[in-house]
Amino acid sequence: MWVISCAAGAAPIFQCSGHHPIAVAGGATGSIGDSSGKTAERQLLTKEVLDHNIASVKVQLAKLLDFETKQIPARLVDNASWTAGVSYLDFLRDIGKHFSVNQMVAKESVRARMEDREVGISYTEFSIHAAQAFDFYHSGMSLIACFKLGGSDQWGQYYSRH
């Protein structure tokens, strides 16, 4: 199995070759927002908007992946399904302890926002890298993903894996 974080041109080739594609939707991370490439805090989305966005992503992915086939159907999983049961303190203790604030502050997207005294960066957006890394960890351990594709907005997930 493998995970795709965005529609990638190679995805249908892998499915046709017998691999089980799993697309990860950001119901949890999408509710936080990502500071990458942003000059201001991202507007927080409601659960209804997130659910609509996830449904829209599935429609787009269905142009590349076959969710209906009986042999090797693609799956769309929402990262809210594995983050919902994790308390804030458990996340800090079990996940957060593996992150260096120095490395996180050194990221260009974080540093640029911190240098802008007018806007800054919220703790919520600052923490997105740890949340994305938790996705990376979960997809490898629980979904048994052995190959992952993603867009540039997923860099934190791959870079921050611990």
N, C-alpha and C. Protein backbone atom coordinates (compact mmCIF):
# COMPACT_ATOMS: atom_id res chain seq x y z
N MET A 1 0.83 -1.18 0.00
CA MET A 1 0.00 0.00 0.00
C MET A 1 0.88 1.24 0.00
N TRP A 2 0.32 2.33 -0.45
CA TRP A 2 1.05 3.58 -0.47
C TRP A 2 0.08 4.73 -0.25
N VAL A 3 0.61 5.85 0.08
CA VAL A 3 -0.21 7.01 0.38
C VAL A 3 0.08 8.10 -0.63
N ILE A 4 -0.96 8.74 -1.12
CA ILE A 4 -0.75 9.94 -1.90
C ILE A 4 -1.42 11.07 -1.15
N SER A 5 -0.76 12.19 -1.10
CA SER A 5 -1.31 13.34 -0.39
C SER A 5 -1.94 14.31 -1.36
N CYS A 6 -1.71 14.14 -2.61
CA CYS A 6 -2.34 14.98 -3.62
C CYS A 6 -2.40 14.17 -4.90
N ALA A 7 -3.18 14.66 -5.85
CA ALA A 7 -3.29 13.96 -7.12
C ALA A 7 -1.93 14.01 -7.83
N ALA A 8 -1.36 12.87 -8.08
CA ALA A 8 -0.06 12.81 -8.72
C ALA A 8 -0.17 12.00 -10.00
N GLY A 9 0.55 12.40 -11.03
CA GLY A 9 0.48 11.73 -12.33
C GLY A 9 0.85 10.27 -12.29
N ALA A 10 1.69 9.87 -11.33
CA ALA A 10 2.13 8.48 -11.25
C ALA A 10 1.10 7.59 -10.57
N ALA A 11 0.13 8.17 -9.88
CA ALA A 11 -0.82 7.39 -9.09
C ALA A 11 -1.55 6.33 -9.89
N PRO A 12 -2.14 6.65 -11.06
CA PRO A 12 -2.86 5.60 -11.78
C PRO A 12 -1.95 4.48 -12.27
N ILE A 13 -0.73 4.79 -12.57
CA ILE A 13 0.23 3.78 -13.02
C ILE A 13 0.48 2.78 -11.90
N PHE A 14 0.65 3.28 -10.67
CA PHE A 14 0.88 2.39 -9.54
C PHE A 14 -0.35 1.52 -9.28
N GLN A 15 -1.54 2.07 -9.37
CA GLN A 15 -2.75 1.28 -9.13
C GLN A 15 -2.89 0.20 -10.20
N CYS A 16 -2.64 0.54 -11.44
CA CYS A 16 -2.73 -0.44 -12.53
C CYS A 16 -1.67 -1.53 -12.39
N SER A 17 -0.61 -1.24 -11.65
CA SER A 17 0.47 -2.21 -11.44
C SER A 17 0.23 -3.08 -10.21
N GLY A 18 -0.94 -2.94 -9.60
CA GLY A 18 -1.28 -3.81 -8.48
C GLY A 18 -1.08 -3.22 -7.10
N HIS A 19 -0.75 -1.95 -7.00
CA HIS A 19 -0.57 -1.32 -5.69
C HIS A 19 -1.89 -0.74 -5.20
N HIS A 20 -2.04 -0.67 -3.91
CA HIS A 20 -3.28 -0.21 -3.28
C HIS A 20 -3.12 1.26 -2.88
N PRO A 21 -3.69 2.19 -3.65
CA PRO A 21 -3.53 3.60 -3.32
C PRO A 21 -4.43 4.05 -2.17
N ILE A 22 -3.84 4.81 -1.27
CA ILE A 22 -4.57 5.39 -0.14
C ILE A 22 -4.32 6.89 -0.19
N ALA A 23 -5.36 7.64 -0.43
CA ALA A 23 -5.24 9.10 -0.42
C ALA A 23 -5.59 9.59 0.98
N VAL A 24 -4.75 10.44 1.53
CA VAL A 24 -4.98 10.97 2.87
C VAL A 24 -5.54 12.38 2.76
N ALA A 25 -6.74 12.55 3.32
CA ALA A 25 -7.37 13.87 3.35
C ALA A 25 -7.09 14.51 4.71
N GLY A 26 -6.98 15.81 4.70
CA GLY A 26 -6.61 16.54 5.90
C GLY A 26 -7.76 17.09 6.71
N GLY A 27 -8.63 16.23 7.18
CA GLY A 27 -9.71 16.69 8.04
C GLY A 27 -9.20 17.26 9.36
N ALA A 28 -8.08 16.74 9.84
CA ALA A 28 -7.46 17.25 11.07
C ALA A 28 -6.50 18.38 10.76
N THR A 29 -5.51 18.10 9.92
CA THR A 29 -4.51 19.13 9.61
C THR A 29 -5.13 20.30 8.85
N GLY A 30 -6.15 20.03 8.06
CA GLY A 30 -6.82 21.11 7.35
C GLY A 30 -7.55 22.05 8.29
N SER A 31 -7.91 21.56 9.48
CA SER A 31 -8.58 22.41 10.45
C SER A 31 -7.61 23.34 11.16
N ILE A 32 -6.32 23.02 11.07
CA ILE A 32 -5.29 23.84 11.70
C ILE A 32 -4.78 24.91 10.75
N GLY A 33 -4.43 24.50 9.55
CA GLY A 33 -3.82 25.43 8.60
C GLY A 33 -2.32 25.23 8.55
N ASP A 34 -1.73 25.60 7.48
CA ASP A 34 -0.30 25.43 7.25
C ASP A 34 0.28 26.79 6.92
N SER A 35 1.37 27.14 7.57
CA SER A 35 1.99 28.45 7.35
C SER A 35 2.78 28.54 6.05
N SER A 36 3.04 27.40 5.41
CA SER A 36 3.86 27.38 4.20
C SER A 36 3.28 28.29 3.12
N GLY A 37 4.10 29.22 2.67
CA GLY A 37 3.72 30.10 1.58
C GLY A 37 2.66 31.13 1.93
N LYS A 38 2.32 31.23 3.20
CA LYS A 38 1.29 32.18 3.62
C LYS A 38 1.94 33.38 4.30
N THR A 39 1.37 34.54 4.08
CA THR A 39 1.89 35.74 4.75
C THR A 39 1.01 36.14 5.92
N ALA A 40 -0.11 35.46 6.09
CA ALA A 40 -1.01 35.74 7.20
C ALA A 40 -1.64 34.43 7.67
N GLU A 41 -2.21 34.49 8.85
CA GLU A 41 -2.89 33.33 9.42
C GLU A 41 -4.00 32.86 8.49
N ARG A 42 -4.06 31.57 8.26
CA ARG A 42 -5.10 31.00 7.42
C ARG A 42 -6.42 30.98 8.20
N GLN A 43 -7.50 31.29 7.53
CA GLN A 43 -8.81 31.26 8.16
C GLN A 43 -9.14 29.83 8.55
N LEU A 44 -9.60 29.64 9.78
CA LEU A 44 -9.96 28.31 10.24
C LEU A 44 -11.24 27.86 9.56
N LEU A 45 -11.26 26.59 9.18
CA LEU A 45 -12.41 26.03 8.46
C LEU A 45 -13.31 25.27 9.42
N THR A 46 -14.60 25.33 9.17
CA THR A 46 -15.56 24.56 9.97
C THR A 46 -15.52 23.10 9.54
N LYS A 47 -16.08 22.24 10.37
CA LYS A 47 -16.15 20.81 10.02
C LYS A 47 -16.94 20.61 8.74
N GLU A 48 -17.99 21.39 8.55
CA GLU A 48 -18.81 21.28 7.34
C GLU A 48 -18.00 21.63 6.09
N VAL A 49 -17.21 22.69 6.17
CA VAL A 49 -16.37 23.08 5.03
C VAL A 49 -15.31 22.01 4.77
N LEU A 50 -14.71 21.50 5.83
CA LEU A 50 -13.70 20.44 5.66
C LEU A 50 -14.31 19.20 5.03
N ASP A 51 -15.50 18.80 5.49
CA ASP A 51 -16.17 17.63 4.91
C ASP A 51 -16.46 17.86 3.43
N HIS A 52 -16.91 19.06 3.09
CA HIS A 52 -17.18 19.40 1.68
C HIS A 52 -15.88 19.33 0.86
N ASN A 53 -14.80 19.87 1.41
CA ASN A 53 -13.52 19.85 0.70
C ASN A 53 -13.03 18.43 0.47
N ILE A 54 -13.19 17.58 1.48
CA ILE A 54 -12.77 16.18 1.34
C ILE A 54 -13.59 15.48 0.27
N ALA A 55 -14.88 15.71 0.25
CA ALA A 55 -15.73 15.12 -0.79
C ALA A 55 -15.32 15.62 -2.17
N SER A 56 -14.97 16.89 -2.26
CA SER A 56 -14.52 17.47 -3.55
C SER A 56 -13.20 16.87 -4.00
N VAL A 57 -12.31 16.62 -3.05
CA VAL A 57 -11.02 16.01 -3.38
C VAL A 57 -11.25 14.60 -3.92
N LYS A 58 -12.18 13.87 -3.33
CA LYS A 58 -12.46 12.51 -3.81
C LYS A 58 -12.96 12.54 -5.25
N VAL A 59 -13.81 13.51 -5.58
CA VAL A 59 -14.29 13.64 -6.96
C VAL A 59 -13.12 13.90 -7.90
N GLN A 60 -12.19 14.76 -7.48
CA GLN A 60 -11.01 15.04 -8.31
C GLN A 60 -10.12 13.81 -8.44
N LEU A 61 -9.90 13.12 -7.33
CA LEU A 61 -9.04 11.93 -7.35
C LEU A 61 -9.65 10.81 -8.18
N ALA A 62 -10.98 10.75 -8.23
CA ALA A 62 -11.66 9.70 -9.00
C ALA A 62 -11.35 9.81 -10.49
N LYS A 63 -10.84 10.94 -10.92
CA LYS A 63 -10.42 11.09 -12.32
C LYS A 63 -9.08 10.40 -12.56
N LEU A 64 -8.35 10.14 -11.47
CA LEU A 64 -7.05 9.49 -11.56
C LEU A 64 -7.02 8.08 -10.98
N LEU A 65 -7.82 7.86 -9.97
CA LEU A 65 -7.81 6.60 -9.26
C LEU A 65 -9.18 5.95 -9.32
N ASP A 66 -9.21 4.62 -9.23
CA ASP A 66 -10.46 3.88 -9.28
C ASP A 66 -10.86 3.48 -7.87
N PHE A 67 -11.87 4.15 -7.34
CA PHE A 67 -12.38 3.85 -6.01
C PHE A 67 -13.43 2.75 -6.04
N GLU A 68 -13.90 2.38 -7.22
CA GLU A 68 -15.02 1.46 -7.36
C GLU A 68 -14.63 0.04 -7.74
N THR A 69 -13.43 -0.17 -8.24
CA THR A 69 -13.01 -1.49 -8.69
C THR A 69 -13.04 -2.49 -7.53
N LYS A 70 -13.34 -3.74 -7.84
CA LYS A 70 -13.39 -4.78 -6.82
C LYS A 70 -12.00 -5.33 -6.50
N GLN A 71 -11.07 -5.22 -7.47
CA GLN A 71 -9.76 -5.84 -7.28
C GLN A 71 -8.84 -5.03 -6.37
N ILE A 72 -8.52 -3.83 -6.73
CA ILE A 72 -7.60 -3.01 -5.95
C ILE A 72 -8.17 -1.59 -5.85
N PRO A 73 -9.21 -1.41 -5.04
CA PRO A 73 -9.82 -0.08 -4.98
C PRO A 73 -8.94 0.93 -4.24
N ALA A 74 -8.96 2.14 -4.73
CA ALA A 74 -8.30 3.23 -4.02
C ALA A 74 -9.14 3.53 -2.78
N ARG A 75 -8.49 4.06 -1.75
CA ARG A 75 -9.20 4.46 -0.54
C ARG A 75 -8.88 5.92 -0.24
N LEU A 76 -9.83 6.61 0.30
CA LEU A 76 -9.62 7.97 0.79
C LEU A 76 -9.84 7.92 2.29
N VAL A 77 -8.80 8.22 3.06
CA VAL A 77 -8.91 8.22 4.52
C VAL A 77 -8.72 9.64 5.02
N ASP A 78 -9.39 9.96 6.09
CA ASP A 78 -9.34 11.29 6.68
C ASP A 78 -8.44 11.22 7.91
N ASN A 79 -7.42 12.08 7.96
CA ASN A 79 -6.50 12.01 9.10
C ASN A 79 -7.18 12.37 10.43
N ALA A 80 -8.37 12.93 10.38
CA ALA A 80 -9.11 13.17 11.62
C ALA A 80 -9.49 11.85 12.29
N SER A 81 -9.56 10.76 11.52
CA SER A 81 -9.94 9.47 12.09
C SER A 81 -8.88 8.93 13.05
N TRP A 82 -7.62 9.26 12.87
CA TRP A 82 -6.61 8.78 13.81
C TRP A 82 -6.12 9.86 14.76
N THR A 83 -6.49 11.09 14.55
CA THR A 83 -6.07 12.14 15.48
C THR A 83 -7.15 12.45 16.51
N ALA A 84 -8.40 12.16 16.21
CA ALA A 84 -9.52 12.51 17.10
C ALA A 84 -9.38 11.90 18.49
N GLY A 85 -8.86 10.70 18.57
CA GLY A 85 -8.74 10.03 19.86
C GLY A 85 -7.48 10.35 20.64
N VAL A 86 -6.64 11.21 20.11
CA VAL A 86 -5.38 11.55 20.77
C VAL A 86 -5.57 12.87 21.52
N SER A 87 -5.40 12.83 22.83
CA SER A 87 -5.56 14.06 23.61
C SER A 87 -4.37 14.99 23.37
N TYR A 88 -4.58 16.24 23.70
CA TYR A 88 -3.52 17.25 23.55
C TYR A 88 -2.28 16.86 24.35
N LEU A 89 -2.45 16.45 25.59
CA LEU A 89 -1.31 16.07 26.42
C LEU A 89 -0.61 14.83 25.90
N ASP A 90 -1.39 13.85 25.43
CA ASP A 90 -0.78 12.66 24.83
C ASP A 90 0.03 13.03 23.60
N PHE A 91 -0.52 13.93 22.78
CA PHE A 91 0.20 14.35 21.58
C PHE A 91 1.52 15.03 21.95
N LEU A 92 1.48 15.94 22.92
CA LEU A 92 2.71 16.61 23.35
C LEU A 92 3.72 15.61 23.89
N ARG A 93 3.25 14.68 24.73
CA ARG A 93 4.14 13.71 25.35
C ARG A 93 4.71 12.71 24.35
N ASP A 94 3.85 12.15 23.51
CA ASP A 94 4.26 11.06 22.64
C ASP A 94 4.81 11.50 21.28
N ILE A 95 4.34 12.63 20.78
CA ILE A 95 4.76 13.10 19.46
C ILE A 95 5.66 14.33 19.58
N GLY A 96 5.18 15.32 20.31
CA GLY A 96 5.89 16.59 20.40
C GLY A 96 7.30 16.49 20.96
N LYS A 97 7.54 15.53 21.82
CA LYS A 97 8.87 15.40 22.43
C LYS A 97 9.96 15.07 21.41
N HIS A 98 9.56 14.62 20.24
CA HIS A 98 10.54 14.24 19.22
C HIS A 98 10.93 15.39 18.31
N PHE A 99 10.42 16.59 18.57
CA PHE A 99 10.67 17.73 17.69
C PHE A 99 11.56 18.76 18.34
N SER A 100 12.48 19.25 17.56
CA SER A 100 13.36 20.32 18.00
C SER A 100 12.75 21.65 17.57
N VAL A 101 12.48 22.51 18.54
CA VAL A 101 11.96 23.83 18.22
C VAL A 101 12.96 24.57 17.33
N ASN A 102 14.23 24.36 17.57
CA ASN A 102 15.26 25.02 16.75
C ASN A 102 15.11 24.65 15.28
N GLN A 103 14.89 23.36 15.00
CA GLN A 103 14.71 22.94 13.61
C GLN A 103 13.42 23.49 13.02
N MET A 104 12.37 23.53 13.82
CA MET A 104 11.09 24.04 13.33
C MET A 104 11.18 25.54 13.03
N VAL A 105 11.87 26.29 13.88
CA VAL A 105 12.02 27.74 13.68
C VAL A 105 12.92 28.00 12.47
N ALA A 106 13.83 27.10 12.17
CA ALA A 106 14.74 27.28 11.04
C ALA A 106 14.04 27.12 9.70
N LYS A 107 12.86 26.52 9.68
CA LYS A 107 12.12 26.36 8.42
C LYS A 107 11.79 27.74 7.86
N GLU A 108 12.00 27.92 6.58
CA GLU A 108 11.78 29.22 5.94
C GLU A 108 10.36 29.74 6.15
N SER A 109 9.38 28.86 6.01
CA SER A 109 7.98 29.30 6.15
C SER A 109 7.70 29.82 7.56
N VAL A 110 8.29 29.21 8.56
CA VAL A 110 8.09 29.63 9.95
C VAL A 110 8.90 30.89 10.22
N ARG A 111 10.15 30.88 9.82
CA ARG A 111 11.03 32.02 10.08
C ARG A 111 10.49 33.31 9.46
N ALA A 112 10.01 33.22 8.23
CA ALA A 112 9.49 34.42 7.56
C ALA A 112 8.30 34.99 8.32
N ARG A 113 7.44 34.13 8.81
CA ARG A 113 6.28 34.60 9.56
C ARG A 113 6.69 35.17 10.92
N MET A 114 7.69 34.57 11.55
CA MET A 114 8.13 35.07 12.85
C MET A 114 8.80 36.44 12.72
N GLU A 115 9.45 36.68 11.61
CA GLU A 115 10.12 37.96 11.40
C GLU A 115 9.14 39.09 11.10
N ASP A 116 7.94 38.76 10.70
CA ASP A 116 6.91 39.76 10.43
C ASP A 116 6.18 40.06 11.73
N ARG A 117 6.58 41.11 12.40
CA ARG A 117 6.03 41.44 13.72
C ARG A 117 4.55 41.82 13.66
N GLU A 118 4.09 42.26 12.50
CA GLU A 118 2.68 42.63 12.35
C GLU A 118 1.78 41.40 12.37
N VAL A 119 2.22 40.35 11.69
CA VAL A 119 1.38 39.16 11.54
C VAL A 119 1.83 38.04 12.47
N GLY A 120 3.11 37.69 12.44
CA GLY A 120 3.63 36.60 13.25
C GLY A 120 3.08 35.26 12.83
N ILE A 121 3.19 34.30 13.72
CA ILE A 121 2.68 32.96 13.46
C ILE A 121 2.05 32.44 14.75
N SER A 122 0.90 31.84 14.63
CA SER A 122 0.23 31.32 15.83
C SER A 122 0.86 29.97 16.21
N TYR A 123 0.64 29.59 17.45
CA TYR A 123 1.10 28.28 17.90
C TYR A 123 0.45 27.18 17.07
N THR A 124 -0.80 27.41 16.69
CA THR A 124 -1.53 26.43 15.88
C THR A 124 -0.80 26.15 14.58
N GLU A 125 -0.47 27.21 13.83
CA GLU A 125 0.23 27.01 12.56
C GLU A 125 1.66 26.50 12.78
N PHE A 126 2.29 26.95 13.85
CA PHE A 126 3.63 26.49 14.16
C PHE A 126 3.64 24.97 14.38
N SER A 127 2.57 24.46 14.97
CA SER A 127 2.49 23.04 15.33
C SER A 127 2.13 22.13 14.16
N ILE A 128 1.78 22.69 13.02
CA ILE A 128 1.33 21.87 11.88
C ILE A 128 2.37 20.83 11.47
N HIS A 129 3.64 21.17 11.60
CA HIS A 129 4.69 20.23 11.17
C HIS A 129 4.67 18.96 12.01
N ALA A 130 4.42 19.09 13.29
CA ALA A 130 4.33 17.91 14.15
C ALA A 130 3.08 17.10 13.78
N ALA A 131 1.99 17.78 13.49
CA ALA A 131 0.76 17.08 13.10
C ALA A 131 0.95 16.35 11.78
N GLN A 132 1.63 16.98 10.82
CA GLN A 132 1.90 16.33 9.54
C GLN A 132 2.83 15.14 9.71
N ALA A 133 3.80 15.27 10.59
CA ALA A 133 4.71 14.15 10.84
C ALA A 133 3.96 12.99 11.47
N PHE A 134 2.97 13.29 12.30
CA PHE A 134 2.14 12.24 12.89
C PHE A 134 1.38 11.50 11.78
N ASP A 135 0.92 12.22 10.76
CA ASP A 135 0.30 11.58 9.59
C ASP A 135 1.28 10.61 8.93
N PHE A 136 2.50 11.09 8.72
CA PHE A 136 3.54 10.29 8.08
C PHE A 136 3.76 9.01 8.88
N TYR A 137 3.89 9.16 10.19
CA TYR A 137 4.11 8.02 11.08
C TYR A 137 2.92 7.06 11.01
N HIS A 138 1.72 7.59 11.16
CA HIS A 138 0.53 6.74 11.17
C HIS A 138 0.37 6.00 9.84
N SER A 139 0.58 6.69 8.74
CA SER A 139 0.41 6.04 7.44
C SER A 139 1.42 4.92 7.24
N GLY A 140 2.60 5.07 7.79
CA GLY A 140 3.60 4.01 7.68
C GLY A 140 3.34 2.85 8.61
N MET A 141 2.90 3.15 9.83
CA MET A 141 2.72 2.10 10.83
C MET A 141 1.35 1.42 10.74
N SER A 142 0.29 2.18 10.64
CA SER A 142 -1.06 1.60 10.69
C SER A 142 -1.63 1.29 9.31
N LEU A 143 -1.32 2.12 8.33
CA LEU A 143 -1.83 1.87 6.98
C LEU A 143 -0.86 1.03 6.17
N ILE A 144 0.32 0.76 6.71
CA ILE A 144 1.37 -0.02 6.07
C ILE A 144 1.74 0.58 4.71
N ALA A 145 1.87 1.87 4.68
CA ALA A 145 2.25 2.54 3.43
C ALA A 145 3.76 2.44 3.25
N CYS A 146 4.16 1.98 2.09
CA CYS A 146 5.59 1.82 1.83
C CYS A 146 6.11 2.81 0.81
N PHE A 147 5.22 3.54 0.17
CA PHE A 147 5.64 4.52 -0.83
C PHE A 147 4.69 5.70 -0.72
N LYS A 148 5.24 6.90 -0.65
CA LYS A 148 4.39 8.07 -0.43
C LYS A 148 4.71 9.15 -1.45
N LEU A 149 3.65 9.69 -2.01
CA LEU A 149 3.76 10.82 -2.93
C LEU A 149 3.03 11.99 -2.30
N GLY A 150 3.52 13.19 -2.52
CA GLY A 150 2.81 14.34 -1.98
C GLY A 150 3.24 15.61 -2.67
N GLY A 151 2.44 16.63 -2.49
CA GLY A 151 2.73 17.94 -3.05
C GLY A 151 3.67 18.72 -2.17
N SER A 152 4.06 19.89 -2.64
CA SER A 152 4.99 20.73 -1.87
C SER A 152 4.39 21.15 -0.53
N ASP A 153 3.07 21.17 -0.42
CA ASP A 153 2.44 21.53 0.85
C ASP A 153 2.59 20.40 1.89
N GLN A 154 3.08 19.26 1.48
CA GLN A 154 3.28 18.14 2.38
C GLN A 154 4.73 18.00 2.82
N TRP A 155 5.58 18.93 2.43
CA TRP A 155 7.01 18.84 2.74
C TRP A 155 7.24 18.67 4.23
N GLY A 156 6.50 19.40 5.06
CA GLY A 156 6.67 19.29 6.50
C GLY A 156 6.46 17.88 6.99
N GLN A 157 5.52 17.16 6.38
CA GLN A 157 5.22 15.80 6.76
C GLN A 157 6.42 14.88 6.51
N TYR A 158 7.06 15.07 5.38
CA TYR A 158 8.19 14.22 5.04
C TYR A 158 9.47 14.65 5.75
N TYR A 159 9.65 15.95 5.86
CA TYR A 159 10.86 16.50 6.48
C TYR A 159 10.88 16.24 7.99
N SER A 160 9.72 16.29 8.62
CA SER A 160 9.63 16.21 10.08
C SER A 160 9.46 14.81 10.62
N ARG A 161 9.45 13.81 9.77
CA ARG A 161 9.21 12.46 10.26
C ARG A 161 10.28 12.05 11.26
N HIS A 162 9.84 11.42 12.32
CA HIS A 162 10.75 10.97 13.38
C HIS A 162 10.38 9.57 13.80
